[in-house]
Full PDB file with SEQRES, HELIX, SHEET, SSBOND, CRYST1, ORIGX, SCALE, CONECT and MASTER records, all heavy atoms in Angstrom:
SEQRES   1 A   36  LYS GLY ASP LYS ILE PHE CYS PHE THR PHE GLU GLY LYS          
SEQRES   2 A   36  TYR PHE GLN LEU LEU THR VAL ASN LYS ARG LEU THR HIS          
SEQRES   3 A   36  ASP GLY GLU GLU GLN TRP SER ASP PHE SER                      
SHEET    1 AA1 3 GLY A   2  PHE A  10  0                                        
SHEET    2 AA1 3 LYS A  13  LEU A  24 -1                                        
SHEET    3 AA1 3 GLN A  31  PHE A  35 -1                                        
CRYST1    1.000    1.000    1.000  90.00  90.00  90.00 P 1           1          
ORIGX1      1.000000  0.000000  0.000000        0.00000                         
ORIGX2      0.000000  1.000000  0.000000        0.00000                         
ORIGX3      0.000000  0.000000  1.000000        0.00000                         
SCALE1      1.000000  0.000000  0.000000        0.00000                         
SCALE2      0.000000  1.000000  0.000000        0.00000                         
SCALE3      0.000000  0.000000  1.000000        0.00000                         
ATOM      1  N   LYS A   1     -31.180   8.523  41.867  1.00  0.00           N  
ATOM      2  CA  LYS A   1     -30.155   9.573  41.938  1.00  0.00           C  
ATOM      3  C   LYS A   1     -28.753   9.021  41.761  1.00  0.00           C  
ATOM      4  O   LYS A   1     -27.772   9.608  42.215  1.00  0.00           O  
ATOM      5  CB  LYS A   1     -30.266  10.361  43.239  1.00  0.00           C  
ATOM      6  CG  LYS A   1     -31.579  11.100  43.380  1.00  0.00           C  
ATOM      7  CD  LYS A   1     -31.579  11.949  44.620  1.00  0.00           C  
ATOM      8  CE  LYS A   1     -32.899  12.688  44.746  1.00  0.00           C  
ATOM      9  NZ  LYS A   1     -32.933  13.581  45.895  1.00  0.00           N  
ATOM     10  N   GLY A   2     -28.631   7.852  41.103  1.00  0.00           N  
ATOM     11  CA  GLY A   2     -27.333   7.244  40.869  1.00  0.00           C  
ATOM     12  C   GLY A   2     -26.549   7.994  39.811  1.00  0.00           C  
ATOM     13  O   GLY A   2     -27.104   8.490  38.841  1.00  0.00           O  
ATOM     14  N   ASP A   3     -25.258   8.074  39.998  1.00  0.00           N  
ATOM     15  CA  ASP A   3     -24.384   8.765  39.058  1.00  0.00           C  
ATOM     16  C   ASP A   3     -23.464   7.770  38.359  1.00  0.00           C  
ATOM     17  O   ASP A   3     -23.453   7.652  37.162  1.00  0.00           O  
ATOM     18  CB  ASP A   3     -23.575   9.832  39.798  1.00  0.00           C  
ATOM     19  CG  ASP A   3     -22.593  10.551  38.893  1.00  0.00           C  
ATOM     20  OD1 ASP A   3     -22.969  10.876  37.750  1.00  0.00           O  
ATOM     21  OD2 ASP A   3     -21.455  10.789  39.329  1.00  0.00           O  
ATOM     22  N   LYS A   4     -22.690   7.034  39.128  1.00  0.00           N  
ATOM     23  CA  LYS A   4     -21.776   6.025  38.587  1.00  0.00           C  
ATOM     24  C   LYS A   4     -21.812   4.813  39.492  1.00  0.00           C  
ATOM     25  O   LYS A   4     -21.965   4.928  40.704  1.00  0.00           O  
ATOM     26  CB  LYS A   4     -20.337   6.542  38.558  1.00  0.00           C  
ATOM     27  CG  LYS A   4     -20.100   7.729  37.686  1.00  0.00           C  
ATOM     28  CD  LYS A   4     -19.530   7.301  36.377  1.00  0.00           C  
ATOM     29  CE  LYS A   4     -19.137   8.550  35.615  1.00  0.00           C  
ATOM     30  NZ  LYS A   4     -19.142   8.438  34.241  1.00  0.00           N  
ATOM     31  N   ILE A   5     -21.610   3.655  38.864  1.00  0.00           N  
ATOM     32  CA  ILE A   5     -21.485   2.426  39.643  1.00  0.00           C  
ATOM     33  C   ILE A   5     -20.455   1.542  38.953  1.00  0.00           C  
ATOM     34  O   ILE A   5     -20.479   1.386  37.737  1.00  0.00           O  
ATOM     35  CB  ILE A   5     -22.831   1.696  39.815  1.00  0.00           C  
ATOM     36  CG1 ILE A   5     -22.658   0.506  40.747  1.00  0.00           C  
ATOM     37  CG2 ILE A   5     -23.412   1.284  38.487  1.00  0.00           C  
ATOM     38  CD1 ILE A   5     -23.954  -0.057  41.258  1.00  0.00           C  
ATOM     39  N   PHE A   6     -19.534   1.048  39.713  1.00  0.00           N  
ATOM     40  CA  PHE A   6     -18.539   0.106  39.221  1.00  0.00           C  
ATOM     41  C   PHE A   6     -18.554  -1.099  40.147  1.00  0.00           C  
ATOM     42  O   PHE A   6     -18.426  -0.950  41.368  1.00  0.00           O  
ATOM     43  CB  PHE A   6     -17.141   0.727  39.185  1.00  0.00           C  
ATOM     44  CG  PHE A   6     -17.028   1.884  38.240  1.00  0.00           C  
ATOM     45  CD1 PHE A   6     -16.862   3.170  38.711  1.00  0.00           C  
ATOM     46  CD2 PHE A   6     -17.108   1.684  36.870  1.00  0.00           C  
ATOM     47  CE1 PHE A   6     -16.767   4.246  37.842  1.00  0.00           C  
ATOM     48  CE2 PHE A   6     -17.017   2.752  35.987  1.00  0.00           C  
ATOM     49  CZ  PHE A   6     -16.846   4.039  36.477  1.00  0.00           C  
ATOM     50  N   CYS A   7     -18.739  -2.265  39.569  1.00  0.00           N  
ATOM     51  CA  CYS A   7     -18.785  -3.505  40.346  1.00  0.00           C  
ATOM     52  C   CYS A   7     -17.719  -4.439  39.812  1.00  0.00           C  
ATOM     53  O   CYS A   7     -17.492  -4.511  38.600  1.00  0.00           O  
ATOM     54  CB  CYS A   7     -20.157  -4.161  40.215  1.00  0.00           C  
ATOM     55  SG  CYS A   7     -21.520  -3.098  40.688  1.00  0.00           S  
ATOM     56  N   PHE A   8     -17.083  -5.166  40.711  1.00  0.00           N  
ATOM     57  CA  PHE A   8     -16.079  -6.126  40.292  1.00  0.00           C  
ATOM     58  C   PHE A   8     -15.946  -7.249  41.307  1.00  0.00           C  
ATOM     59  O   PHE A   8     -16.326  -7.104  42.466  1.00  0.00           O  
ATOM     60  CB  PHE A   8     -14.716  -5.455  40.059  1.00  0.00           C  
ATOM     61  CG  PHE A   8     -14.119  -4.802  41.279  1.00  0.00           C  
ATOM     62  CD1 PHE A   8     -13.269  -5.508  42.119  1.00  0.00           C  
ATOM     63  CD2 PHE A   8     -14.391  -3.478  41.580  1.00  0.00           C  
ATOM     64  CE1 PHE A   8     -12.706  -4.909  43.234  1.00  0.00           C  
ATOM     65  CE2 PHE A   8     -13.836  -2.860  42.691  1.00  0.00           C  
ATOM     66  CZ  PHE A   8     -12.991  -3.581  43.521  1.00  0.00           C  
ATOM     67  N   THR A   9     -15.421  -8.351  40.812  1.00  0.00           N  
ATOM     68  CA  THR A   9     -15.108  -9.495  41.659  1.00  0.00           C  
ATOM     69  C   THR A   9     -13.596  -9.596  41.737  1.00  0.00           C  
ATOM     70  O   THR A   9     -12.902  -9.484  40.720  1.00  0.00           O  
ATOM     71  CB  THR A   9     -15.696 -10.789  41.068  1.00  0.00           C  
ATOM     72  OG1 THR A   9     -17.097 -10.616  40.917  1.00  0.00           O  
ATOM     73  CG2 THR A   9     -15.432 -11.974  41.974  1.00  0.00           C  
ATOM     74  N   PHE A  10     -13.097  -9.791  42.944  1.00  0.00           N  
ATOM     75  CA  PHE A  10     -11.663  -9.933  43.168  1.00  0.00           C  
ATOM     76  C   PHE A  10     -11.461 -10.992  44.245  1.00  0.00           C  
ATOM     77  O   PHE A  10     -12.005 -10.868  45.341  1.00  0.00           O  
ATOM     78  CB  PHE A  10     -11.050  -8.599  43.606  1.00  0.00           C  
ATOM     79  CG  PHE A  10      -9.577  -8.671  43.864  1.00  0.00           C  
ATOM     80  CD1 PHE A  10      -8.680  -8.765  42.807  1.00  0.00           C  
ATOM     81  CD2 PHE A  10      -9.087  -8.641  45.154  1.00  0.00           C  
ATOM     82  CE1 PHE A  10      -7.322  -8.827  43.051  1.00  0.00           C  
ATOM     83  CE2 PHE A  10      -7.732  -8.709  45.402  1.00  0.00           C  
ATOM     84  CZ  PHE A  10      -6.840  -8.797  44.345  1.00  0.00           C  
ATOM     85  N   GLU A  11     -10.701 -12.022  43.897  1.00  0.00           N  
ATOM     86  CA  GLU A  11     -10.420 -13.126  44.822  1.00  0.00           C  
ATOM     87  C   GLU A  11     -11.708 -13.667  45.451  1.00  0.00           C  
ATOM     88  O   GLU A  11     -11.775 -13.918  46.652  1.00  0.00           O  
ATOM     89  CB  GLU A  11      -9.426 -12.680  45.897  1.00  0.00           C  
ATOM     90  CG  GLU A  11      -8.057 -12.332  45.339  1.00  0.00           C  
ATOM     91  CD  GLU A  11      -7.060 -11.880  46.397  1.00  0.00           C  
ATOM     92  OE1 GLU A  11      -7.450 -11.664  47.571  1.00  0.00           O  
ATOM     93  OE2 GLU A  11      -5.875 -11.747  46.043  1.00  0.00           O  
ATOM     94  N   GLY A  12     -12.734 -13.801  44.635  1.00  0.00           N  
ATOM     95  CA  GLY A  12     -13.995 -14.369  45.087  1.00  0.00           C  
ATOM     96  C   GLY A  12     -14.883 -13.426  45.878  1.00  0.00           C  
ATOM     97  O   GLY A  12     -15.947 -13.820  46.353  1.00  0.00           O  
ATOM     98  N   LYS A  13     -14.473 -12.185  46.030  1.00  0.00           N  
ATOM     99  CA  LYS A  13     -15.261 -11.200  46.773  1.00  0.00           C  
ATOM    100  C   LYS A  13     -15.848 -10.194  45.786  1.00  0.00           C  
ATOM    101  O   LYS A  13     -15.197  -9.803  44.821  1.00  0.00           O  
ATOM    102  CB  LYS A  13     -14.395 -10.482  47.795  1.00  0.00           C  
ATOM    103  CG  LYS A  13     -13.822 -11.436  48.831  1.00  0.00           C  
ATOM    104  CD  LYS A  13     -12.803 -10.752  49.691  1.00  0.00           C  
ATOM    105  CE  LYS A  13     -12.125 -11.780  50.595  1.00  0.00           C  
ATOM    106  NZ  LYS A  13     -10.842 -11.346  51.058  1.00  0.00           N  
ATOM    107  N   TYR A  14     -17.072  -9.762  46.052  1.00  0.00           N  
ATOM    108  CA  TYR A  14     -17.781  -8.844  45.166  1.00  0.00           C  
ATOM    109  C   TYR A  14     -17.781  -7.442  45.768  1.00  0.00           C  
ATOM    110  O   TYR A  14     -18.169  -7.254  46.922  1.00  0.00           O  
ATOM    111  CB  TYR A  14     -19.220  -9.323  44.960  1.00  0.00           C  
ATOM    112  CG  TYR A  14     -19.965  -8.582  43.884  1.00  0.00           C  
ATOM    113  CD1 TYR A  14     -19.694  -8.808  42.540  1.00  0.00           C  
ATOM    114  CD2 TYR A  14     -20.943  -7.660  44.216  1.00  0.00           C  
ATOM    115  CE1 TYR A  14     -20.387  -8.137  41.551  1.00  0.00           C  
ATOM    116  CE2 TYR A  14     -21.644  -6.987  43.237  1.00  0.00           C  
ATOM    117  CZ  TYR A  14     -21.357  -7.225  41.899  1.00  0.00           C  
ATOM    118  OH  TYR A  14     -22.047  -6.552  40.928  1.00  0.00           O  
ATOM    119  N   PHE A  15     -17.315  -6.467  44.997  1.00  0.00           N  
ATOM    120  CA  PHE A  15     -17.226  -5.079  45.444  1.00  0.00           C  
ATOM    121  C   PHE A  15     -18.086  -4.191  44.551  1.00  0.00           C  
ATOM    122  O   PHE A  15     -18.183  -4.414  43.349  1.00  0.00           O  
ATOM    123  CB  PHE A  15     -15.778  -4.584  45.391  1.00  0.00           C  
ATOM    124  CG  PHE A  15     -14.872  -5.280  46.352  1.00  0.00           C  
ATOM    125  CD1 PHE A  15     -14.201  -6.439  45.986  1.00  0.00           C  
ATOM    126  CD2 PHE A  15     -14.691  -4.792  47.635  1.00  0.00           C  
ATOM    127  CE1 PHE A  15     -13.369  -7.095  46.871  1.00  0.00           C  
ATOM    128  CE2 PHE A  15     -13.859  -5.442  48.526  1.00  0.00           C  
ATOM    129  CZ  PHE A  15     -13.193  -6.597  48.152  1.00  0.00           C  
ATOM    130  N   GLN A  16     -18.661  -3.182  45.168  1.00  0.00           N  
ATOM    131  CA  GLN A  16     -19.485  -2.228  44.436  1.00  0.00           C  
ATOM    132  C   GLN A  16     -19.095  -0.819  44.896  1.00  0.00           C  
ATOM    133  O   GLN A  16     -19.154  -0.510  46.084  1.00  0.00           O  
ATOM    134  CB  GLN A  16     -20.955  -2.496  44.732  1.00  0.00           C  
ATOM    135  CG  GLN A  16     -21.922  -1.610  44.005  1.00  0.00           C  
ATOM    136  CD  GLN A  16     -23.350  -1.915  44.423  1.00  0.00           C  
ATOM    137  OE1 GLN A  16     -23.715  -1.728  45.585  1.00  0.00           O  
ATOM    138  NE2 GLN A  16     -24.150  -2.373  43.484  1.00  0.00           N  
ATOM    139  N   LEU A  17     -18.677   0.021  43.933  1.00  0.00           N  
ATOM    140  CA  LEU A  17     -18.371   1.420  44.192  1.00  0.00           C  
ATOM    141  C   LEU A  17     -19.512   2.230  43.596  1.00  0.00           C  
ATOM    142  O   LEU A  17     -19.807   2.091  42.405  1.00  0.00           O  
ATOM    143  CB  LEU A  17     -17.061   1.831  43.527  1.00  0.00           C  
ATOM    144  CG  LEU A  17     -15.761   1.264  44.089  1.00  0.00           C  
ATOM    145  CD1 LEU A  17     -15.572  -0.176  43.669  1.00  0.00           C  
ATOM    146  CD2 LEU A  17     -14.592   2.088  43.610  1.00  0.00           C  
ATOM    147  N   LEU A  18     -20.156   3.061  44.395  1.00  0.00           N  
ATOM    148  CA  LEU A  18     -21.350   3.752  43.955  1.00  0.00           C  
ATOM    149  C   LEU A  18     -21.298   5.224  44.343  1.00  0.00           C  
ATOM    150  O   LEU A  18     -20.941   5.560  45.478  1.00  0.00           O  
ATOM    151  CB  LEU A  18     -22.573   3.102  44.612  1.00  0.00           C  
ATOM    152  CG  LEU A  18     -23.927   3.749  44.403  1.00  0.00           C  
ATOM    153  CD1 LEU A  18     -24.362   3.663  42.943  1.00  0.00           C  
ATOM    154  CD2 LEU A  18     -24.959   3.088  45.306  1.00  0.00           C  
ATOM    155  N   THR A  19     -21.639   6.093  43.383  1.00  0.00           N  
ATOM    156  CA  THR A  19     -21.817   7.513  43.692  1.00  0.00           C  
ATOM    157  C   THR A  19     -23.255   7.889  43.372  1.00  0.00           C  
ATOM    158  O   THR A  19     -23.796   7.497  42.344  1.00  0.00           O  
ATOM    159  CB  THR A  19     -20.851   8.418  42.904  1.00  0.00           C  
ATOM    160  OG1 THR A  19     -21.119   8.312  41.510  1.00  0.00           O  
ATOM    161  CG2 THR A  19     -19.404   8.058  43.178  1.00  0.00           C  
ATOM    162  N   VAL A  20     -23.857   8.641  44.273  1.00  0.00           N  
ATOM    163  CA  VAL A  20     -25.241   9.097  44.111  1.00  0.00           C  
ATOM    164  C   VAL A  20     -25.340  10.556  44.570  1.00  0.00           C  
ATOM    165  O   VAL A  20     -24.438  11.075  45.229  1.00  0.00           O  
ATOM    166  CB  VAL A  20     -26.252   8.233  44.903  1.00  0.00           C  
ATOM    167  CG1 VAL A  20     -26.275   6.800  44.402  1.00  0.00           C  
ATOM    168  CG2 VAL A  20     -25.958   8.269  46.390  1.00  0.00           C  
ATOM    169  N   ASN A  21     -26.463  11.179  44.239  1.00  0.00           N  
ATOM    170  CA  ASN A  21     -26.766  12.545  44.695  1.00  0.00           C  
ATOM    171  C   ASN A  21     -25.705  13.562  44.288  1.00  0.00           C  
ATOM    172  O   ASN A  21     -25.289  14.406  45.088  1.00  0.00           O  
ATOM    173  CB  ASN A  21     -26.949  12.600  46.221  1.00  0.00           C  
ATOM    174  CG  ASN A  21     -28.077  11.735  46.688  1.00  0.00           C  
ATOM    175  OD1 ASN A  21     -29.098  11.629  46.041  1.00  0.00           O  
ATOM    176  ND2 ASN A  21     -27.883  11.096  47.835  1.00  0.00           N  
ATOM    177  N   LYS A  22     -25.278  13.519  43.031  1.00  0.00           N  
ATOM    178  CA  LYS A  22     -24.281  14.481  42.556  1.00  0.00           C  
ATOM    179  C   LYS A  22     -24.876  15.885  42.600  1.00  0.00           C  
ATOM    180  O   LYS A  22     -26.005  16.110  42.181  1.00  0.00           O  
ATOM    181  CB  LYS A  22     -23.874  14.117  41.126  1.00  0.00           C  
ATOM    182  CG  LYS A  22     -22.652  14.814  40.635  1.00  0.00           C  
ATOM    183  CD  LYS A  22     -22.273  14.236  39.279  1.00  0.00           C  
ATOM    184  CE  LYS A  22     -20.903  14.642  38.862  1.00  0.00           C  
ATOM    185  NZ  LYS A  22     -20.560  14.039  37.568  1.00  0.00           N  
ATOM    186  N   ARG A  23     -24.096  16.816  43.141  1.00  0.00           N  
ATOM    187  CA  ARG A  23     -24.573  18.179  43.280  1.00  0.00           C  
ATOM    188  C   ARG A  23     -23.409  19.164  43.128  1.00  0.00           C  
ATOM    189  O   ARG A  23     -22.261  18.840  43.436  1.00  0.00           O  
ATOM    190  CB  ARG A  23     -25.265  18.364  44.622  1.00  0.00           C  
ATOM    191  CG  ARG A  23     -24.361  18.052  45.803  1.00  0.00           C  
ATOM    192  CD  ARG A  23     -25.142  17.484  46.985  1.00  0.00           C  
ATOM    193  NE  ARG A  23     -24.280  17.049  48.053  1.00  0.00           N  
ATOM    194  CZ  ARG A  23     -23.805  15.801  48.171  1.00  0.00           C  
ATOM    195  NH1 ARG A  23     -24.064  14.887  47.272  1.00  0.00           N  
ATOM    196  NH2 ARG A  23     -23.055  15.465  49.199  1.00  0.00           N  
ATOM    197  N   LEU A  24     -23.729  20.367  42.655  1.00  0.00           N  
ATOM    198  CA  LEU A  24     -22.745  21.438  42.491  1.00  0.00           C  
ATOM    199  C   LEU A  24     -22.488  22.138  43.822  1.00  0.00           C  
ATOM    200  O   LEU A  24     -23.384  22.235  44.658  1.00  0.00           O  
ATOM    201  CB  LEU A  24     -23.248  22.486  41.501  1.00  0.00           C  
ATOM    202  CG  LEU A  24     -23.111  22.169  40.020  1.00  0.00           C  
ATOM    203  CD1 LEU A  24     -23.883  23.189  39.193  1.00  0.00           C  
ATOM    204  CD2 LEU A  24     -21.664  22.129  39.601  1.00  0.00           C  
ATOM    205  N   THR A  25     -21.267  22.656  43.979  1.00  0.00           N  
ATOM    206  CA  THR A  25     -21.007  23.521  45.124  1.00  0.00           C  
ATOM    207  C   THR A  25     -21.629  24.882  44.832  1.00  0.00           C  
ATOM    208  O   THR A  25     -22.018  25.169  43.700  1.00  0.00           O  
ATOM    209  CB  THR A  25     -19.490  23.673  45.367  1.00  0.00           C  
ATOM    210  OG1 THR A  25     -18.878  24.154  44.166  1.00  0.00           O  
ATOM    211  CG2 THR A  25     -18.858  22.367  45.784  1.00  0.00           C  
ATOM    212  N   HIS A  26     -21.682  25.729  45.817  1.00  0.00           N  
ATOM    213  CA  HIS A  26     -22.317  27.044  45.648  1.00  0.00           C  
ATOM    214  C   HIS A  26     -21.639  27.899  44.584  1.00  0.00           C  
ATOM    215  O   HIS A  26     -22.268  28.707  43.940  1.00  0.00           O  
ATOM    216  CB  HIS A  26     -22.370  27.793  46.991  1.00  0.00           C  
ATOM    217  CG  HIS A  26     -21.027  28.188  47.500  1.00  0.00           C  
ATOM    218  ND1 HIS A  26     -20.184  27.305  48.137  1.00  0.00           N  
ATOM    219  CD2 HIS A  26     -20.366  29.367  47.432  1.00  0.00           C  
ATOM    220  CE1 HIS A  26     -19.061  27.927  48.460  1.00  0.00           C  
ATOM    221  NE2 HIS A  26     -19.148  29.175  48.057  1.00  0.00           N  
ATOM    222  N   ASP A  27     -20.340  27.718  44.375  1.00  0.00           N  
ATOM    223  CA  ASP A  27     -19.634  28.517  43.364  1.00  0.00           C  
ATOM    224  C   ASP A  27     -19.605  27.848  41.990  1.00  0.00           C  
ATOM    225  O   ASP A  27     -19.122  28.431  41.021  1.00  0.00           O  
ATOM    226  CB  ASP A  27     -18.211  28.830  43.821  1.00  0.00           C  
ATOM    227  CG  ASP A  27     -17.357  27.590  44.041  1.00  0.00           C  
ATOM    228  OD1 ASP A  27     -17.827  26.470  43.750  1.00  0.00           O  
ATOM    229  OD2 ASP A  27     -16.220  27.734  44.517  1.00  0.00           O  
ATOM    230  N   GLY A  28     -20.115  26.633  41.895  1.00  0.00           N  
ATOM    231  CA  GLY A  28     -20.177  25.933  40.622  1.00  0.00           C  
ATOM    232  C   GLY A  28     -18.852  25.378  40.137  1.00  0.00           C  
ATOM    233  O   GLY A  28     -18.754  24.861  39.029  1.00  0.00           O  
ATOM    234  N   GLU A  29     -17.807  25.467  40.960  1.00  0.00           N  
ATOM    235  CA  GLU A  29     -16.473  24.999  40.566  1.00  0.00           C  
ATOM    236  C   GLU A  29     -16.313  23.483  40.682  1.00  0.00           C  
ATOM    237  O   GLU A  29     -15.563  22.878  39.941  1.00  0.00           O  
ATOM    238  CB  GLU A  29     -15.398  25.679  41.422  1.00  0.00           C  
ATOM    239  CG  GLU A  29     -15.279  27.165  41.198  1.00  0.00           C  
ATOM    240  CD  GLU A  29     -14.604  27.500  39.884  1.00  0.00           C  
ATOM    241  OE1 GLU A  29     -13.641  26.816  39.513  1.00  0.00           O  
ATOM    242  OE2 GLU A  29     -15.065  28.452  39.233  1.00  0.00           O  
ATOM    243  N   GLU A  30     -16.982  22.909  41.649  1.00  0.00           N  
ATOM    244  CA  GLU A  30     -16.850  21.484  41.901  1.00  0.00           C  
ATOM    245  C   GLU A  30     -18.226  20.850  42.029  1.00  0.00           C  
ATOM    246  O   GLU A  30     -19.224  21.535  42.231  1.00  0.00           O  
ATOM    247  CB  GLU A  30     -16.090  21.216  43.209  1.00  0.00           C  
ATOM    248  CG  GLU A  30     -14.673  21.678  43.224  1.00  0.00           C  
ATOM    249  CD  GLU A  30     -14.005  21.388  44.566  1.00  0.00           C  
ATOM    250  OE1 GLU A  30     -14.667  21.455  45.609  1.00  0.00           O  
ATOM    251  OE2 GLU A  30     -12.815  21.103  44.546  1.00  0.00           O  
ATOM    252  N   GLN A  31     -18.213  19.529  41.925  1.00  0.00           N  
ATOM    253  CA  GLN A  31     -19.406  18.756  42.225  1.00  0.00           C  
ATOM    254  C   GLN A  31     -19.017  17.736  43.285  1.00  0.00           C  
ATOM    255  O   GLN A  31     -17.869  17.316  43.366  1.00  0.00           O  
ATOM    256  CB  GLN A  31     -19.919  18.038  40.974  1.00  0.00           C  
ATOM    257  CG  GLN A  31     -20.417  18.978  39.907  1.00  0.00           C  
ATOM    258  CD  GLN A  31     -20.896  18.230  38.677  1.00  0.00           C  
ATOM    259  OE1 GLN A  31     -20.386  17.179  38.333  1.00  0.00           O  
ATOM    260  NE2 GLN A  31     -21.885  18.791  38.019  1.00  0.00           N  
ATOM    261  N   TRP A  32     -20.005  17.352  44.077  1.00  0.00           N  
ATOM    262  CA  TRP A  32     -19.800  16.357  45.122  1.00  0.00           C  
ATOM    263  C   TRP A  32     -20.860  15.280  44.971  1.00  0.00           C  
ATOM    264  O   TRP A  32     -21.978  15.561  44.559  1.00  0.00           O  
ATOM    265  CB  TRP A  32     -19.916  16.997  46.512  1.00  0.00           C  
ATOM    266  CG  TRP A  32     -18.788  17.913  46.819  1.00  0.00           C  
ATOM    267  CD1 TRP A  32     -18.665  19.216  46.411  1.00  0.00           C  
ATOM    268  CD2 TRP A  32     -17.620  17.614  47.561  1.00  0.00           C  
ATOM    269  NE1 TRP A  32     -17.492  19.735  46.871  1.00  0.00           N  
ATOM    270  CE2 TRP A  32     -16.824  18.779  47.587  1.00  0.00           C  
ATOM    271  CE3 TRP A  32     -17.159  16.475  48.208  1.00  0.00           C  
ATOM    272  CZ2 TRP A  32     -15.601  18.829  48.234  1.00  0.00           C  
ATOM    273  CZ3 TRP A  32     -15.947  16.539  48.866  1.00  0.00           C  
ATOM    274  CH2 TRP A  32     -15.173  17.696  48.869  1.00  0.00           C  
ATOM    275  N   SER A  33     -20.505  14.063  45.296  1.00  0.00           N  
ATOM    276  CA  SER A  33     -21.445  12.944  45.322  1.00  0.00           C  
ATOM    277  C   SER A  33     -21.282  12.209  46.641  1.00  0.00           C  
ATOM    278  O   SER A  33     -20.208  12.225  47.238  1.00  0.00           O  
ATOM    279  CB  SER A  33     -21.149  11.947  44.198  1.00  0.00           C  
ATOM    280  OG  SER A  33     -21.316  12.517  42.935  1.00  0.00           O  
ATOM    281  N   ASP A  34     -22.348  11.553  47.049  1.00  0.00           N  
ATOM    282  CA  ASP A  34     -22.219  10.605  48.151  1.00  0.00           C  
ATOM    283  C   ASP A  34     -21.569   9.362  47.562  1.00  0.00           C  
ATOM    284  O   ASP A  34     -21.935   8.914  46.479  1.00  0.00           O  
ATOM    285  CB  ASP A  34     -23.593  10.265  48.729  1.00  0.00           C  
ATOM    286  CG  ASP A  34     -24.256  11.475  49.364  1.00  0.00           C  
ATOM    287  OD1 ASP A  34     -23.542  12.285  49.976  1.00  0.00           O  
ATOM    288  OD2 ASP A  34     -25.486  11.605  49.239  1.00  0.00           O  
ATOM    289  N   PHE A  35     -20.598   8.819  48.251  1.00  0.00           N  
ATOM    290  CA  PHE A  35     -19.852   7.652  47.780  1.00  0.00           C  
ATOM    291  C   PHE A  35     -20.011   6.525  48.782  1.00  0.00           C  
ATOM    292  O   PHE A  35     -19.910   6.745  49.990  1.00  0.00           O  
ATOM    293  CB  PHE A  35     -18.364   7.995  47.630  1.00  0.00           C  
ATOM    294  CG  PHE A  35     -17.515   6.814  47.270  1.00  0.00           C  
ATOM    295  CD1 PHE A  35     -17.364   6.435  45.944  1.00  0.00           C  
ATOM    296  CD2 PHE A  35     -16.882   6.064  48.246  1.00  0.00           C  
ATOM    297  CE1 PHE A  35     -16.596   5.333  45.601  1.00  0.00           C  
ATOM    298  CE2 PHE A  35     -16.110   4.963  47.924  1.00  0.00           C  
ATOM    299  CZ  PHE A  35     -15.977   4.598  46.594  1.00  0.00           C  
ATOM    300  N   SER A  36     -20.251   5.321  48.266  1.00  0.00           N  
ATOM    301  CA  SER A  36     -20.277   4.169  49.167  1.00  0.00           C  
ATOM    302  C   SER A  36     -19.543   3.001  48.530  1.00  0.00           C  
ATOM    303  O   SER A  36     -19.475   2.876  47.312  1.00  0.00           O  
ATOM    304  CB  SER A  36     -21.707   3.772  49.529  1.00  0.00           C  
ATOM    305  OG  SER A  36     -22.398   3.325  48.390  1.00  0.00           O  
TER     306      SER A  36                                                      
MASTER        0    0    0    0    3    0    0    6  305    1    0    3          
END                                                                             
């Protein structure tokens, strides 16, 4: 259920930005994802 993932190294540290479970709101105007 992955949507987007961005990984990078900065000053020797590894970071991962991840969105999963993208879903529409009830009115269909927006979408939401779990972000970690």
